[in-house]
N, C-alpha and C. Protein backbone atom coordinates (compact mmCIF):
# COMPACT_ATOMS: atom_id res chain seq x y z
N MET A 1 -39.85 26.86 66.78
CA MET A 1 -40.98 26.45 65.96
C MET A 1 -40.75 24.85 65.40
N GLY A 2 -41.25 24.50 65.11
CA GLY A 2 -40.89 22.89 64.45
C GLY A 2 -40.27 22.13 65.68
N ASP A 3 -38.92 21.65 65.49
CA ASP A 3 -38.40 21.29 65.98
C ASP A 3 -37.31 21.64 66.86
N LEU A 4 -36.92 23.50 66.79
CA LEU A 4 -36.14 23.92 66.49
C LEU A 4 -36.30 25.03 67.72
N THR A 5 -35.40 24.86 68.92
CA THR A 5 -35.98 25.86 69.69
C THR A 5 -34.55 27.04 70.17
N LEU A 6 -34.65 27.85 70.49
CA LEU A 6 -33.70 28.84 71.16
C LEU A 6 -34.48 29.80 72.34
N ASP A 7 -33.34 29.59 73.08
CA ASP A 7 -33.31 29.89 74.74
C ASP A 7 -32.30 31.07 75.28
N GLU A 8 -33.37 32.14 75.16
CA GLU A 8 -32.62 33.24 75.11
C GLU A 8 -32.13 33.37 76.54
N ASP A 9 -32.00 32.71 77.94
CA ASP A 9 -31.33 33.00 78.65
C ASP A 9 -30.08 32.50 79.10
N SER A 10 -30.51 31.49 78.18
CA SER A 10 -29.11 30.36 78.05
C SER A 10 -28.37 30.23 76.84
N HIS A 11 -29.08 31.24 75.80
CA HIS A 11 -28.66 31.47 74.39
C HIS A 11 -28.30 30.02 73.65
N GLU A 12 -29.10 29.05 74.60
CA GLU A 12 -28.81 27.43 73.47
C GLU A 12 -29.25 27.80 72.39
N VAL A 13 -29.00 26.72 71.62
CA VAL A 13 -30.36 26.53 70.17
C VAL A 13 -30.16 25.03 69.82
N ALA A 14 -31.46 23.99 69.96
CA ALA A 14 -30.41 23.19 69.39
C ALA A 14 -32.17 22.85 68.17
N ARG A 15 -31.92 21.65 67.67
CA ARG A 15 -32.90 20.81 66.95
C ARG A 15 -32.91 20.18 66.88
N GLY A 16 -34.27 18.86 67.06
CA GLY A 16 -34.70 17.85 67.23
C GLY A 16 -33.90 17.53 68.48
N GLY A 17 -33.82 18.08 69.13
CA GLY A 17 -32.62 17.74 70.32
C GLY A 17 -31.10 17.89 70.60
N GLU A 18 -30.96 17.82 69.25
CA GLU A 18 -29.51 18.60 69.29
C GLU A 18 -29.04 19.51 68.80
N GLU A 19 -27.90 20.04 69.76
CA GLU A 19 -27.52 21.46 70.21
C GLU A 19 -26.64 21.81 69.63
N ILE A 20 -27.16 23.15 68.63
CA ILE A 20 -26.31 23.74 68.09
C ILE A 20 -25.70 24.70 67.92
N HIS A 21 -24.47 25.17 68.31
CA HIS A 21 -23.66 26.74 68.83
C HIS A 21 -23.53 26.97 67.08
N LEU A 22 -23.51 28.59 67.80
CA LEU A 22 -23.40 29.70 67.07
C LEU A 22 -22.96 30.87 67.65
N THR A 23 -22.20 31.43 66.85
CA THR A 23 -21.85 32.56 67.31
C THR A 23 -22.95 33.68 67.75
N ALA A 24 -22.52 35.14 67.92
CA ALA A 24 -23.50 35.76 68.99
C ALA A 24 -23.89 36.75 67.83
N THR A 25 -23.64 36.66 66.87
CA THR A 25 -24.05 37.06 65.91
C THR A 25 -25.54 36.61 65.01
N GLU A 26 -24.84 34.54 64.47
CA GLU A 26 -25.89 33.90 64.54
C GLU A 26 -26.92 33.95 65.54
N PHE A 27 -26.70 34.20 67.14
CA PHE A 27 -27.76 33.55 67.19
C PHE A 27 -28.38 34.96 67.65
N GLU A 28 -28.36 36.43 67.24
CA GLU A 28 -29.39 37.53 66.94
C GLU A 28 -30.00 37.06 65.89
N LEU A 29 -29.60 36.94 64.55
CA LEU A 29 -30.32 36.83 63.64
C LEU A 29 -31.51 35.59 63.56
N LEU A 30 -30.89 34.00 63.79
CA LEU A 30 -31.79 33.73 63.94
C LEU A 30 -32.86 33.95 65.90
N ARG A 31 -32.53 34.97 65.92
CA ARG A 31 -33.55 34.88 67.00
C ARG A 31 -34.44 36.35 66.09
N PHE A 32 -34.07 36.92 65.71
CA PHE A 32 -35.08 37.64 65.12
C PHE A 32 -35.50 37.53 63.45
N LEU A 33 -35.06 36.29 63.20
CA LEU A 33 -35.87 35.24 62.31
C LEU A 33 -36.95 34.91 63.03
N MET A 34 -36.60 34.17 63.49
CA MET A 34 -37.89 33.43 64.98
C MET A 34 -38.82 33.80 65.76
N ARG A 35 -38.32 35.07 66.20
CA ARG A 35 -38.93 36.42 66.58
C ARG A 35 -39.96 36.56 65.87
N ASN A 36 -39.81 36.90 63.99
CA ASN A 36 -41.15 37.28 63.07
C ASN A 36 -41.32 35.71 61.62
N PRO A 37 -41.74 34.94 62.74
CA PRO A 37 -42.02 32.85 62.09
C PRO A 37 -42.86 33.80 60.52
N ARG A 38 -43.45 32.85 59.17
CA ARG A 38 -43.56 33.52 57.97
C ARG A 38 -43.43 34.60 57.95
N ARG A 39 -42.82 35.24 58.26
CA ARG A 39 -42.61 36.80 57.53
C ARG A 39 -41.50 37.22 56.80
N VAL A 40 -41.56 37.49 55.76
CA VAL A 40 -40.48 37.78 55.06
C VAL A 40 -40.36 39.21 55.18
N LEU A 41 -38.42 38.87 55.54
CA LEU A 41 -37.69 40.18 56.05
C LEU A 41 -36.95 40.83 55.01
N SER A 42 -36.42 41.67 55.02
CA SER A 42 -35.85 42.60 54.29
C SER A 42 -33.95 42.25 54.65
N LYS A 43 -33.08 41.98 53.31
CA LYS A 43 -32.41 42.75 54.51
C LYS A 43 -32.19 44.21 55.31
N ALA A 44 -32.23 45.05 54.54
CA ALA A 44 -32.43 46.46 55.19
C ALA A 44 -32.64 46.59 56.81
N GLN A 45 -34.02 45.30 56.30
CA GLN A 45 -34.53 45.01 58.38
C GLN A 45 -34.09 44.07 58.88
N ILE A 46 -32.98 43.65 58.40
CA ILE A 46 -31.90 42.71 58.89
C ILE A 46 -30.68 42.68 59.56
N LEU A 47 -30.25 44.03 58.60
CA LEU A 47 -28.69 45.26 58.84
C LEU A 47 -29.26 46.06 60.20
N GLU A 48 -30.86 47.02 60.15
CA GLU A 48 -30.89 47.61 60.87
C GLU A 48 -30.33 46.40 62.38
N ARG A 49 -31.61 45.98 62.40
CA ARG A 49 -31.80 45.38 63.68
C ARG A 49 -30.17 43.89 64.51
N VAL A 50 -30.26 43.62 63.52
CA VAL A 50 -29.45 43.00 63.52
C VAL A 50 -27.81 43.09 64.02
N TRP A 51 -27.57 43.76 62.85
CA TRP A 51 -25.52 44.62 62.87
C TRP A 51 -26.01 46.68 63.20
N SER A 52 -26.93 46.90 63.52
CA SER A 52 -27.91 48.34 63.82
C SER A 52 -27.09 49.23 63.37
N TYR A 53 -27.05 49.49 62.21
CA TYR A 53 -26.26 50.36 61.84
C TYR A 53 -26.62 49.60 60.06
N ASP A 54 -26.41 51.09 59.11
CA ASP A 54 -26.63 50.88 57.61
C ASP A 54 -24.93 50.41 56.48
N PHE A 55 -25.10 49.02 55.74
CA PHE A 55 -23.76 48.83 55.78
C PHE A 55 -23.50 49.42 54.52
N GLY A 56 -24.31 50.19 53.79
CA GLY A 56 -23.97 51.37 52.50
C GLY A 56 -23.37 50.93 51.57
N GLY A 57 -24.49 49.27 51.43
CA GLY A 57 -24.87 48.74 50.27
C GLY A 57 -24.16 47.47 50.66
N LYS A 58 -23.30 46.92 52.10
CA LYS A 58 -22.87 45.78 52.26
C LYS A 58 -23.42 44.83 52.20
N ALA A 59 -24.47 44.53 51.62
CA ALA A 59 -25.81 43.59 52.04
C ALA A 59 -24.86 41.81 52.11
N ASN A 60 -23.98 42.30 52.00
CA ASN A 60 -23.68 40.58 51.22
C ASN A 60 -23.40 39.87 52.37
N VAL A 61 -23.21 41.03 53.87
CA VAL A 61 -22.59 40.30 55.36
C VAL A 61 -24.01 39.62 55.42
N VAL A 62 -25.48 39.88 55.32
CA VAL A 62 -26.12 39.01 55.07
C VAL A 62 -26.55 37.35 54.90
N GLU A 63 -26.77 37.97 53.45
CA GLU A 63 -25.92 36.48 52.53
C GLU A 63 -25.17 35.48 53.35
N LEU A 64 -24.49 36.35 53.68
CA LEU A 64 -22.88 35.65 54.61
C LEU A 64 -23.49 34.44 55.62
N TYR A 65 -23.67 35.54 56.93
CA TYR A 65 -24.48 35.31 57.56
C TYR A 65 -25.85 33.94 57.53
N ILE A 66 -26.73 33.99 57.01
CA ILE A 66 -28.08 33.59 56.40
C ILE A 66 -27.31 31.70 55.67
N SER A 67 -26.51 32.30 55.21
CA SER A 67 -25.59 30.59 54.09
C SER A 67 -25.02 30.03 55.83
N TYR A 68 -24.64 30.58 57.22
CA TYR A 68 -23.52 30.02 58.54
C TYR A 68 -25.00 29.19 58.66
N LEU A 69 -26.02 30.29 59.08
CA LEU A 69 -26.74 29.47 59.36
C LEU A 69 -27.79 28.29 59.39
N ARG A 70 -27.70 27.99 57.99
CA ARG A 70 -28.56 27.29 56.87
C ARG A 70 -27.59 26.28 57.20
N ARG A 71 -26.09 26.35 57.12
CA ARG A 71 -25.25 24.92 57.44
C ARG A 71 -25.38 24.69 58.62
N LYS A 72 -25.74 25.63 59.37
CA LYS A 72 -26.36 24.53 60.95
C LYS A 72 -27.59 24.19 61.83
N ILE A 73 -28.70 24.79 61.12
CA ILE A 73 -29.89 24.36 61.72
C ILE A 73 -30.37 23.55 60.13
N ASP A 74 -29.96 23.95 59.38
CA ASP A 74 -30.65 22.93 58.34
C ASP A 74 -30.21 21.96 57.90
N ALA A 75 -28.47 21.52 57.86
CA ALA A 75 -27.96 20.42 57.83
C ALA A 75 -28.51 19.38 57.68
N GLY A 76 -28.73 18.19 56.81
CA GLY A 76 -29.11 17.25 57.48
C GLY A 76 -29.98 17.22 57.46
N ARG A 77 -31.45 18.38 57.39
CA ARG A 77 -32.47 18.02 57.91
C ARG A 77 -33.67 18.87 57.32
N PRO A 78 -34.85 18.66 57.03
CA PRO A 78 -35.65 19.80 56.26
C PRO A 78 -35.19 21.47 55.85
N PRO A 79 -35.39 21.96 55.08
CA PRO A 79 -34.78 23.30 55.02
C PRO A 79 -36.59 24.30 56.13
N MET A 80 -35.41 25.03 56.65
CA MET A 80 -36.45 26.33 57.49
C MET A 80 -36.44 28.12 57.20
N ILE A 81 -34.99 27.49 56.76
CA ILE A 81 -34.87 29.06 56.43
C ILE A 81 -34.50 29.40 54.91
N HIS A 82 -35.39 30.21 54.24
CA HIS A 82 -36.06 30.25 53.38
C HIS A 82 -35.58 31.58 52.27
N THR A 83 -35.16 31.78 51.22
CA THR A 83 -35.52 32.82 50.66
C THR A 83 -36.23 32.93 49.79
N ARG A 84 -37.14 34.38 49.01
CA ARG A 84 -37.91 34.71 48.35
C ARG A 84 -37.38 36.19 47.65
N ARG A 85 -36.80 35.64 46.84
CA ARG A 85 -36.07 36.44 45.74
C ARG A 85 -36.12 37.79 45.90
N GLY A 86 -35.53 38.51 45.88
CA GLY A 86 -36.24 40.19 45.72
C GLY A 86 -36.92 40.40 46.37
N ALA A 87 -36.84 39.89 48.06
CA ALA A 87 -38.08 40.81 49.05
C ALA A 87 -37.53 40.41 50.18
N GLY A 88 -36.66 38.80 50.74
CA GLY A 88 -35.44 39.03 51.83
C GLY A 88 -35.83 37.33 52.03
N TYR A 89 -35.94 37.20 53.50
CA TYR A 89 -35.88 35.62 54.12
C TYR A 89 -36.87 35.65 54.93
N LEU A 90 -37.10 34.48 55.14
CA LEU A 90 -38.58 33.52 56.33
C LEU A 90 -38.27 32.29 57.12
N ILE A 91 -37.91 32.28 57.87
CA ILE A 91 -38.42 30.82 58.72
C ILE A 91 -39.58 30.38 58.73
N LYS A 92 -39.47 28.80 58.28
CA LYS A 92 -40.77 28.01 59.14
C LYS A 92 -40.27 27.20 59.12
N PRO A 93 -40.92 26.36 59.66
CA PRO A 93 -40.81 24.88 60.82
C PRO A 93 -40.53 23.61 59.07
N GLY A 94 -39.47 23.22 59.59
CA GLY A 94 -39.59 22.22 58.14
C GLY A 94 -40.61 21.35 57.47
N GLY A 95 -40.44 21.26 56.28
CA GLY A 95 -41.47 19.79 55.83
C GLY A 95 -41.59 20.38 54.44
C-alpha cells in the first residue's frame, strides 16, 4: 500500500524501502488494517481479530497499539493510519 510493504511469510515490514521492526501484536494489527484498506475498523473489530477476545471495556489497548504503529510507520512521513472519531481506525496511502 503506497510505499508501505508487509511480507506475511517473513514478517518483514518496510516503508519507503526502510525496514520497520514490529512486535508480533503490532504486526497483526498492521496486517488487519492493510487487509481492509480505506475501511473504518471499530475498536471491537480490532480487538476480536487481533487479540481474539473481548477485553471487557479495555479498548484503550487498541489506542495504545495504534499509537505504537503510528510512531513506527508514520514517523516523519505523511500519515497512513487515521482515526475516525467515534467510529474507529483506517489505513490509506499517505499524502
